[in-house]
């Protein structure tokens, strides 16, 4: 996982992005990190995919 992906996942986690309902939006994360919303989505998906591969790949 890249440092940036880890930073985005950590920021999302501590900002309540993964809560139900969400405490923050992707747009708010993007603003906080100085990038676009699609960039945040890409980093989140890539980071999650890498975490899931650690959990589920055998």
Protein backbone atom coordinates (compact mmCIF):
# COMPACT_ATOMS: atom_id res chain seq x y z
CA UNK A 1 0.00 0.00 0.00
CA UNK A 2 1.31 3.43 -0.83
CA UNK A 3 1.79 6.06 1.84
CA UNK A 4 -0.89 8.18 0.17
CA UNK A 5 -3.42 5.34 0.16
CA UNK A 6 -2.71 4.74 3.84
CA UNK A 7 -3.09 8.47 4.57
CA UNK A 8 -6.44 8.58 2.77
CA UNK A 9 -7.74 5.45 4.53
CA UNK A 10 -6.60 6.72 7.92
CA UNK A 11 -8.12 10.15 7.36
CA UNK A 12 -11.36 8.58 6.16
CA UNK A 13 -11.48 6.27 9.17
CA UNK A 14 -10.87 8.97 11.78
CA UNK A 15 -13.22 11.38 9.99
CA UNK A 16 -16.11 8.94 10.22
CA UNK A 17 -16.28 8.17 6.51
CA UNK A 18 -16.92 4.48 7.20
CA UNK A 19 -19.63 5.11 9.81
CA UNK A 20 -23.33 4.57 9.04
CA UNK A 21 -24.48 7.18 8.36
CA UNK A 22 -21.25 8.81 7.27
CA UNK A 23 -19.90 11.62 9.43
CA UNK A 24 -18.00 13.03 6.44
CA UNK A 25 -18.31 12.80 2.67
CA UNK A 26 -15.82 11.96 -0.04
CA UNK A 27 -15.95 15.59 -1.12
CA UNK A 28 -15.07 16.73 2.41
CA UNK A 29 -12.17 14.27 2.51
CA UNK A 30 -10.99 15.55 -0.84
CA UNK A 31 -11.09 19.14 0.38
CA UNK A 32 -9.22 18.24 3.57
CA UNK A 33 -6.49 16.46 1.61
CA UNK A 34 -6.33 18.94 -1.26
CA UNK A 35 -7.33 16.59 -4.06
CA UNK A 36 -10.41 15.87 -6.17
CA UNK A 37 -13.25 13.59 -5.09
CA UNK A 38 -12.47 11.05 -7.86
CA UNK A 39 -8.87 10.90 -6.60
CA UNK A 40 -10.11 10.14 -3.08
CA UNK A 41 -12.37 7.41 -4.45
CA UNK A 42 -9.45 5.87 -6.34
CA UNK A 43 -7.17 5.90 -3.30
CA UNK A 44 -9.90 4.44 -1.07
CA UNK A 45 -10.66 1.62 -3.51
CA UNK A 46 -7.01 0.78 -4.08
CA UNK A 47 -6.27 0.76 -0.36
CA UNK A 48 -9.32 -1.33 0.46
CA UNK A 49 -8.46 -3.78 -2.34
CA UNK A 50 -4.97 -4.23 -0.85
CA UNK A 51 -6.34 -4.75 2.65
CA UNK A 52 -8.89 -7.26 1.37
CA UNK A 53 -6.19 -9.17 -0.51
CA UNK A 54 -4.28 -9.53 2.78
CA UNK A 55 -7.40 -10.91 4.45
CA UNK A 56 -8.80 -13.13 1.72
CA UNK A 57 -6.01 -14.24 -0.65
CA UNK A 58 -4.69 -17.65 0.19
